[in-house]
PDB file of N, CA and C in Angstrom:
ATOM      1  N   ALA A   1     146.175  34.695  75.048  1.00  0.00           N
ATOM      2  CA  ALA A   1     147.526  35.157  74.748  1.00  0.00           C
ATOM      3  C   ALA A   1     147.586  36.668  74.923  1.00  0.00           C
ATOM      4  N   PRO A   2     148.661  37.188  75.462  1.00  0.00           N
ATOM      5  CA  PRO A   2     148.760  38.627  75.648  1.00  0.00           C
ATOM      6  C   PRO A   2     148.885  39.345  74.316  1.00  0.00           C
ATOM      7  N   HIS A   3     148.373  40.577  74.278  1.00  0.00           N
ATOM      8  CA  HIS A   3     148.511  41.401  73.074  1.00  0.00           C
ATOM      9  C   HIS A   3     149.973  41.795  72.925  1.00  0.00           C
ATOM     10  N   CYS A   4     150.493  41.685  71.731  1.00  0.00           N
ATOM     11  CA  CYS A   4     151.893  42.029  71.486  1.00  0.00           C
ATOM     12  C   CYS A   4     151.939  42.871  70.221  1.00  0.00           C
ATOM     13  N   PRO A   5     152.099  44.201  70.342  1.00  0.00           N
ATOM     14  CA  PRO A   5     152.093  45.047  69.144  1.00  0.00           C
ATOM     15  C   PRO A   5     153.246  44.713  68.210  1.00  0.00           C
ATOM     16  N   ALA A   6     153.040  44.986  66.945  1.00  0.00           N
ATOM     17  CA  ALA A   6     154.065  44.703  65.935  1.00  0.00           C
ATOM     18  C   ALA A   6     155.398  45.317  66.323  1.00  0.00           C
ATOM     19  N   GLY A   7     156.437  44.527  66.189  1.00  0.00           N
ATOM     20  CA  GLY A   7     157.774  45.019  66.479  1.00  0.00           C
ATOM     21  C   GLY A   7     158.174  44.884  67.938  1.00  0.00           C
ATOM     22  N   HIS A   8     157.272  44.405  68.793  1.00  0.00           N
ATOM     23  CA  HIS A   8     157.583  44.248  70.208  1.00  0.00           C
ATOM     24  C   HIS A   8     157.270  42.822  70.630  1.00  0.00           C
ATOM     25  N   PHE A   9     158.249  42.136  71.165  1.00  0.00           N
ATOM     26  CA  PHE A   9     158.043  40.767  71.607  1.00  0.00           C
ATOM     27  C   PHE A   9     158.501  40.619  73.038  1.00  0.00           C
ATOM     28  N   SER A  10     157.677  40.031  73.843  1.00  0.00           N
ATOM     29  CA  SER A  10     158.042  39.735  75.219  1.00  0.00           C
ATOM     30  C   SER A  10     157.605  38.325  75.534  1.00  0.00           C
ATOM     31  N   PRO A  11     158.475  37.517  76.136  1.00  0.00           N
ATOM     32  CA  PRO A  11     158.073  36.164  76.496  1.00  0.00           C
ATOM     33  C   PRO A  11     157.175  36.133  77.726  1.00  0.00           C
ATOM     34  N   TYR A  12     156.913  37.291  78.318  1.00  0.00           N
ATOM     35  CA  TYR A  12     156.140  37.351  79.539  1.00  0.00           C
ATOM     36  C   TYR A  12     154.723  37.841  79.264  1.00  0.00           C
ATOM     37  N   SER A  13     153.790  37.362  80.060  1.00  0.00           N
ATOM     38  CA  SER A  13     152.405  37.801  79.952  1.00  0.00           C
ATOM     39  C   SER A  13     152.306  39.268  80.334  1.00  0.00           C
ATOM     40  N   ASP A  14     151.187  39.888  80.031  1.00  0.00           N
ATOM     41  CA  ASP A  14     150.978  41.297  80.374  1.00  0.00           C
ATOM     42  C   ASP A  14     151.272  41.540  81.849  1.00  0.00           C
ATOM     43  N   GLY A  15     152.145  42.490  82.132  1.00  0.00           N
ATOM     44  CA  GLY A  15     152.445  42.880  83.501  1.00  0.00           C
ATOM     45  C   GLY A  15     153.440  41.992  84.214  1.00  0.00           C
ATOM     46  N   GLU A  16     153.754  40.841  83.649  1.00  0.00           N
ATOM     47  CA  GLU A  16     154.689  39.930  84.298  1.00  0.00           C
ATOM     48  C   GLU A  16     156.117  40.395  84.024  1.00  0.00           C
ATOM     49  N   LYS A  17     156.966  40.322  85.006  1.00  0.00           N
ATOM     50  CA  LYS A  17     158.360  40.751  84.866  1.00  0.00           C
ATOM     51  C   LYS A  17     159.284  39.549  84.914  1.00  0.00           C
ATOM     52  N   ALA A  18     160.433  39.685  84.274  1.00  0.00           N
ATOM     53  CA  ALA A  18     161.440  38.624  84.319  1.00  0.00           C
ATOM     54  C   ALA A  18     161.968  38.484  85.732  1.00  0.00           C
ATOM     55  N   PRO A  19     162.181  37.263  86.192  1.00  0.00           N
ATOM     56  CA  PRO A  19     162.764  37.094  87.518  1.00  0.00           C
ATOM     57  C   PRO A  19     164.133  37.760  87.583  1.00  0.00           C
ATOM     58  N   SER A  20     164.373  38.535  88.624  1.00  0.00           N
ATOM     59  CA  SER A  20     165.623  39.286  88.718  1.00  0.00           C
ATOM     60  C   SER A  20     166.821  38.374  88.932  1.00  0.00           C
ATOM     61  N   HIS A  21     166.603  37.164  89.473  1.00  0.00           N
ATOM     62  CA  HIS A  21     167.709  36.259  89.735  1.00  0.00           C
ATOM     63  C   HIS A  21     168.092  35.421  88.522  1.00  0.00           C
ATOM     64  N   ARG A  22     167.296  35.476  87.473  1.00  0.00           N
ATOM     65  CA  ARG A  22     167.557  34.641  86.300  1.00  0.00           C
ATOM     66  C   ARG A  22     168.728  35.200  85.508  1.00  0.00           C
ATOM     67  N   ILE A  23     169.716  34.373  85.251  1.00  0.00           N
ATOM     68  CA  ILE A  23     170.898  34.803  84.525  1.00  0.00           C
ATOM     69  C   ILE A  23     170.875  34.260  83.102  1.00  0.00           C
ATOM     70  N   SER A  24     170.458  33.020  82.925  1.00  0.00           N
ATOM     71  CA  SER A  24     170.472  32.416  81.598  1.00  0.00           C
ATOM     72  C   SER A  24     169.318  32.949  80.755  1.00  0.00           C
ATOM     73  N   PRO A  25     169.503  33.036  79.434  1.00  0.00           N
ATOM     74  CA  PRO A  25     168.432  33.525  78.558  1.00  0.00           C
ATOM     75  C   PRO A  25     167.281  32.524  78.495  1.00  0.00           C
ATOM     76  N   ILE A  26     166.117  33.027  78.146  1.00  0.00           N
ATOM     77  CA  ILE A  26     164.949  32.173  77.983  1.00  0.00           C
ATOM     78  C   ILE A  26     165.042  31.499  76.620  1.00  0.00           C
ATOM     79  N   THR A  27     164.836  30.205  76.591  1.00  0.00           N
ATOM     80  CA  THR A  27     164.914  29.456  75.334  1.00  0.00           C
ATOM     81  C   THR A  27     163.516  29.224  74.770  1.00  0.00           C
ATOM     82  N   GLY A  28     163.478  28.784  73.529  1.00  0.00           N
ATOM     83  CA  GLY A  28     162.199  28.432  72.918  1.00  0.00           C
ATOM     84  C   GLY A  28     161.503  27.328  73.686  1.00  0.00           C
ATOM     85  N   ASP A  29     162.271  26.367  74.196  1.00  0.00           N
ATOM     86  CA  ASP A  29     161.674  25.298  75.004  1.00  0.00           C
ATOM     87  C   ASP A  29     161.015  25.864  76.254  1.00  0.00           C
ATOM     88  N   ASP A  30     161.675  26.850  76.884  1.00  0.00           N
ATOM     89  CA  ASP A  30     161.096  27.499  78.067  1.00  0.00           C
ATOM     90  C   ASP A  30     159.755  28.140  77.724  1.00  0.00           C
ATOM     91  N   LEU A  31     159.723  28.846  76.590  1.00  0.00           N
ATOM     92  CA  LEU A  31     158.489  29.527  76.184  1.00  0.00           C
ATOM     93  C   LEU A  31     157.373  28.528  75.901  1.00  0.00           C
ATOM     94  N   LEU A  32     157.707  27.430  75.225  1.00  0.00           N
ATOM     95  CA  LEU A  32     156.684  26.448  74.881  1.00  0.00           C
ATOM     96  C   LEU A  32     156.198  25.666  76.101  1.00  0.00           C
ATOM     97  N   LYS A  33     156.985  25.604  77.148  1.00  0.00           N
ATOM     98  CA  LYS A  33     156.524  24.977  78.394  1.00  0.00           C
ATOM     99  C   LYS A  33     155.493  25.862  79.086  1.00  0.00           C
ATOM    100  N   ARG A  34     155.606  27.179  78.885  1.00  0.00           N
ATOM    101  CA  ARG A  34     154.714  28.142  79.549  1.00  0.00           C
ATOM    102  C   ARG A  34     153.507  28.525  78.707  1.00  0.00           C
ATOM    103  N   HIS A  35     153.641  28.438  77.376  1.00  0.00           N
ATOM    104  CA  HIS A  35     152.591  28.915  76.467  1.00  0.00           C
ATOM    105  C   HIS A  35     152.353  27.886  75.367  1.00  0.00           C
ATOM    106  N   ARG A  36     151.087  27.680  75.012  1.00  0.00           N
ATOM    107  CA  ARG A  36     150.774  26.739  73.936  1.00  0.00           C
ATOM    108  C   ARG A  36     151.288  27.248  72.595  1.00  0.00           C
ATOM    109  N   PHE A  37     151.216  28.575  72.400  1.00  0.00           N
ATOM    110  CA  PHE A  37     151.687  29.191  71.166  1.00  0.00           C
ATOM    111  C   PHE A  37     152.664  30.308  71.505  1.00  0.00           C
ATOM    112  N   VAL A  38     153.680  30.476  70.661  1.00  0.00           N
ATOM    113  CA  VAL A  38     154.613  31.598  70.762  1.00  0.00           C
ATOM    114  C   VAL A  38     154.585  32.287  69.409  1.00  0.00           C
ATOM    115  N   VAL A  39     154.415  33.606  69.410  1.00  0.00           N
ATOM    116  CA  VAL A  39     154.320  34.369  68.171  1.00  0.00           C
ATOM    117  C   VAL A  39     155.414  35.427  68.175  1.00  0.00           C
ATOM    118  N   ILE A  40     156.200  35.458  67.099  1.00  0.00           N
ATOM    119  CA  ILE A  40     157.315  36.393  66.971  1.00  0.00           C
ATOM    120  C   ILE A  40     157.136  37.146  65.658  1.00  0.00           C
ATOM    121  N   PRO A  41     157.252  38.485  65.669  1.00  0.00           N
ATOM    122  CA  PRO A  41     157.108  39.227  64.412  1.00  0.00           C
ATOM    123  C   PRO A  41     158.171  38.813  63.403  1.00  0.00           C
ATOM    124  N   SER A  42     157.782  38.781  62.156  1.00  0.00           N
ATOM    125  CA  SER A  42     158.714  38.428  61.085  1.00  0.00           C
ATOM    126  C   SER A  42     159.751  39.524  60.904  1.00  0.00           C
ATOM    127  N   ALA A  43     160.958  39.116  60.635  1.00  0.00           N
ATOM    128  CA  ALA A  43     162.029  40.077  60.359  1.00  0.00           C
ATOM    129  C   ALA A  43     162.026  40.507  58.896  1.00  0.00           C
ATOM    130  N   VAL A  44     161.280  39.807  58.054  1.00  0.00           N
ATOM    131  CA  VAL A  44     161.319  40.096  56.624  1.00  0.00           C
ATOM    132  C   VAL A  44     160.003  40.591  56.036  1.00  0.00           C
ATOM    133  N   SER A  45     158.933  40.589  56.813  1.00  0.00           N
ATOM    134  CA  SER A  45     157.649  41.018  56.285  1.00  0.00           C
ATOM    135  C   SER A  45     156.841  41.718  57.361  1.00  0.00           C
ATOM    136  N   LEU A  46     156.255  42.863  57.018  1.00  0.00           N
ATOM    137  CA  LEU A  46     155.396  43.568  57.955  1.00  0.00           C
ATOM    138  C   LEU A  46     154.042  42.875  58.097  1.00  0.00           C
ATOM    139  N   ASN A  47     153.735  41.956  57.172  1.00  0.00           N
ATOM    140  CA  ASN A  47     152.446  41.273  57.167  1.00  0.00           C
ATOM    141  C   ASN A  47     152.492  39.894  57.798  1.00  0.00           C
ATOM    142  N   SER A  48     153.646  39.482  58.310  1.00  0.00           N
ATOM    143  CA  SER A  48     153.776  38.111  58.785  1.00  0.00           C
ATOM    144  C   SER A  48     154.278  38.032  60.214  1.00  0.00           C
ATOM    145  N   TRP A  49     153.868  36.972  60.875  1.00  0.00           N
ATOM    146  CA  TRP A  49     154.366  36.622  62.211  1.00  0.00           C
ATOM    147  C   TRP A  49     154.775  35.160  62.150  1.00  0.00           C
ATOM    148  N   ASN A  50     155.754  34.789  62.935  1.00  0.00           N
ATOM    149  CA  ASN A  50     156.174  33.400  63.028  1.00  0.00           C
ATOM    150  C   ASN A  50     155.442  32.758  64.201  1.00  0.00           C
ATOM    151  N   LEU A  51     154.689  31.714  63.925  1.00  0.00           N
ATOM    152  CA  LEU A  51     153.919  31.003  64.927  1.00  0.00           C
ATOM    153  C   LEU A  51     154.667  29.717  65.263  1.00  0.00           C
ATOM    154  N   ILE A  52     154.995  29.540  66.542  1.00  0.00           N
ATOM    155  CA  ILE A  52     155.755  28.377  66.982  1.00  0.00           C
ATOM    156  C   ILE A  52     154.894  27.600  67.971  1.00  0.00           C
ATOM    157  N   PHE A  53     154.786  26.280  67.755  1.00  0.00           N
ATOM    158  CA  PHE A  53     154.003  25.453  68.676  1.00  0.00           C
ATOM    159  C   PHE A  53     154.405  23.997  68.513  1.00  0.00           C
ATOM    160  N   GLU A  54     154.077  23.205  69.528  1.00  0.00           N
ATOM    161  CA  GLU A  54     154.233  21.757  69.473  1.00  0.00           C
ATOM    162  C   GLU A  54     152.943  21.212  68.888  1.00  0.00           C
ATOM    163  N   ALA A  55     153.007  20.644  67.699  1.00  0.00           N
ATOM    164  CA  ALA A  55     151.792  20.202  67.011  1.00  0.00           C
ATOM    165  C   ALA A  55     150.969  19.231  67.855  1.00  0.00           C
ATOM    166  N   SER A  56     151.621  18.327  68.559  1.00  0.00           N
ATOM    167  CA  SER A  56     150.870  17.344  69.354  1.00  0.00           C
ATOM    168  C   SER A  56     150.145  17.992  70.522  1.00  0.00           C
ATOM    169  N   LEU A  57     150.675  19.085  71.067  1.00  0.00           N
ATOM    170  CA  LEU A  57     150.051  19.756  72.207  1.00  0.00           C
ATOM    171  C   LEU A  57     149.005  20.787  71.789  1.00  0.00           C
ATOM    172  N   ALA A  58     149.104  21.289  70.560  1.00  0.00           N
ATOM    173  CA  ALA A  58     148.198  22.344  70.102  1.00  0.00           C
ATOM    174  C   ALA A  58     147.093  21.813  69.188  1.00  0.00           C
ATOM    175  N   LYS A  59     147.062  20.508  68.995  1.00  0.00           N
ATOM    176  CA  LYS A  59     146.067  19.909  68.084  1.00  0.00           C
ATOM    177  C   LYS A  59     144.659  20.356  68.470  1.00  0.00           C
ATOM    178  N   GLY A  60     143.913  20.863  67.483  1.00  0.00           N
ATOM    179  CA  GLY A  60     142.544  21.304  67.700  1.00  0.00           C
ATOM    180  C   GLY A  60     142.418  22.708  68.275  1.00  0.00           C
ATOM    181  N   ALA A  61     143.534  23.367  68.568  1.00  0.00           N
ATOM    182  CA  ALA A  61     143.490  24.702  69.183  1.00  0.00           C
ATOM    183  C   ALA A  61     143.708  25.822  68.167  1.00  0.00           C
ATOM    184  N   TYR A  62     143.808  25.470  66.902  1.00  0.00           N
ATOM    185  CA  TYR A  62     144.027  26.492  65.878  1.00  0.00           C
ATOM    186  C   TYR A  62     143.388  26.053  64.570  1.00  0.00           C
ATOM    187  N   ALA A  63     143.163  27.036  63.698  1.00  0.00           N
ATOM    188  CA  ALA A  63     142.628  26.768  62.367  1.00  0.00           C
ATOM    189  C   ALA A  63     143.260  27.764  61.399  1.00  0.00           C
ATOM    190  N   MET A  64     143.451  27.361  60.166  1.00  0.00           N
ATOM    191  CA  MET A  64     144.015  28.232  59.141  1.00  0.00           C
ATOM    192  C   MET A  64     143.050  29.376  58.872  1.00  0.00           C
ATOM    193  N   LYS A  65     143.547  30.599  58.918  1.00  0.00           N
ATOM    194  CA  LYS A  65     142.721  31.759  58.605  1.00  0.00           C
ATOM    195  C   LYS A  65     143.104  32.306  57.236  1.00  0.00           C
ATOM    196  N   THR A  66     144.374  32.606  57.038  1.00  0.00           N
ATOM    197  CA  THR A  66     144.852  33.045  55.731  1.00  0.00           C
ATOM    198  C   THR A  66     146.243  32.480  55.494  1.00  0.00           C
ATOM    199  N   GLN A  67     146.595  32.395  54.246  1.00  0.00           N
ATOM    200  CA  GLN A  67     147.938  31.978  53.869  1.00  0.00           C
ATOM    201  C   GLN A  67     148.281  32.659  52.561  1.00  0.00           C
ATOM    202  N   GLU A  68     149.469  33.238  52.502  1.00  0.00           N
ATOM    203  CA  GLU A  68     149.932  33.897  51.284  1.00  0.00           C
ATOM    204  C   GLU A  68     151.054  33.080  50.669  1.00  0.00           C
ATOM    205  N   ALA A  69     151.176  33.162  49.369  1.00  0.00           N
ATOM    206  CA  ALA A  69     152.269  32.479  48.686  1.00  0.00           C
ATOM    207  C   ALA A  69     153.593  33.087  49.124  1.00  0.00           C
ATOM    208  N   PHE A  70     154.596  32.258  49.310  1.00  0.00           N
ATOM    209  CA  PHE A  70     155.918  32.721  49.710  1.00  0.00           C
ATOM    210  C   PHE A  70     156.595  33.376  48.513  1.00  0.00           C
ATOM    211  N   ALA A  71     157.188  34.542  48.739  1.00  0.00           N
ATOM    212  CA  ALA A  71     157.938  35.238  47.690  1.00  0.00           C
ATOM    213  C   ALA A  71     159.268  35.683  48.288  1.00  0.00           C
ATOM    214  N   LEU A  72     160.352  35.144  47.791  1.00  0.00           N
ATOM    215  CA  LEU A  72     161.678  35.477  48.292  1.00  0.00           C
ATOM    216  C   LEU A  72     162.110  36.832  47.749  1.00  0.00           C
ATOM    217  N   ASP A  73     162.485  37.731  48.642  1.00  0.00           N
ATOM    218  CA  ASP A  73     162.983  39.052  48.261  1.00  0.00           C
ATOM    219  C   ASP A  73     164.507  38.960  48.203  1.00  0.00           C
ATOM    220  N   THR A  74     165.060  39.066  47.010  1.00  0.00           N
ATOM    221  CA  THR A  74     166.503  38.878  46.834  1.00  0.00           C
ATOM    222  C   THR A  74     167.303  40.173  46.972  1.00  0.00           C
ATOM    223  N   ARG A  75     166.676  41.266  47.404  1.00  0.00           N
ATOM    224  CA  ARG A  75     167.414  42.527  47.507  1.00  0.00           C
ATOM    225  C   ARG A  75     168.539  42.457  48.534  1.00  0.00           C
ATOM    226  N   LEU A  76     168.349  41.716  49.620  1.00  0.00           N
ATOM    227  CA  LEU A  76     169.406  41.610  50.617  1.00  0.00           C
ATOM    228  C   LEU A  76     170.563  40.729  50.159  1.00  0.00           C
ATOM    229  N   HIS A  77     170.245  39.697  49.420  1.00  0.00           N
ATOM    230  CA  HIS A  77     171.252  38.757  48.907  1.00  0.00           C
ATOM    231  C   HIS A  77     170.983  38.490  47.444  1.00  0.00           C
ATOM    232  N   PRO A  78     171.343  39.438  46.570  1.00  0.00           N
ATOM    233  CA  PRO A  78     171.046  39.250  45.152  1.00  0.00           C
ATOM    234  C   PRO A  78     171.810  38.059  44.578  1.00  0.00           C
ATOM    235  N   PRO A  79     171.264  37.438  43.543  1.00  0.00           N
ATOM    236  CA  PRO A  79     171.978  36.333  42.901  1.00  0.00           C
ATOM    237  C   PRO A  79     173.297  36.841  42.322  1.00  0.00           C
ATOM    238  N   PRO A  80     174.305  35.976  42.240  1.00  0.00           N
ATOM    239  CA  PRO A  80     175.592  36.407  41.684  1.00  0.00           C
ATOM    240  C   PRO A  80     175.458  36.848  40.230  1.00  0.00           C
ATOM    241  N   ALA A  81     176.251  37.847  39.867  1.00  0.00           N
ATOM    242  CA  ALA A  81     176.249  38.348  38.488  1.00  0.00           C
ATOM    243  C   ALA A  81     176.808  37.283  37.563  1.00  0.00           C
ATOM    244  N   LYS A  82     176.270  37.232  36.361  1.00  0.00           N
ATOM    245  CA  LYS A  82     176.726  36.226  35.381  1.00  0.00           C
ATOM    246  C   LYS A  82     177.882  36.745  34.574  1.00  0.00           C
TER     247      LYS A  82
END
């Protein structure tokens, strides 16, 4: 998988450019047809990335390394006042 620094996402491999004739946007299905895994930086955490894959196609190609408990940050959408 190509290196993708935090905050920068490209559906293309290193050095690969988007076809100039392509008008329609690239979909998640397009990405998964080209790559076994797609990784997108989290919009809510500097420590997290979103890993997208077809479980049946990626079976045996990954292993759990770390997992953190989910903690919802309500600062963006605070609960209604009582």
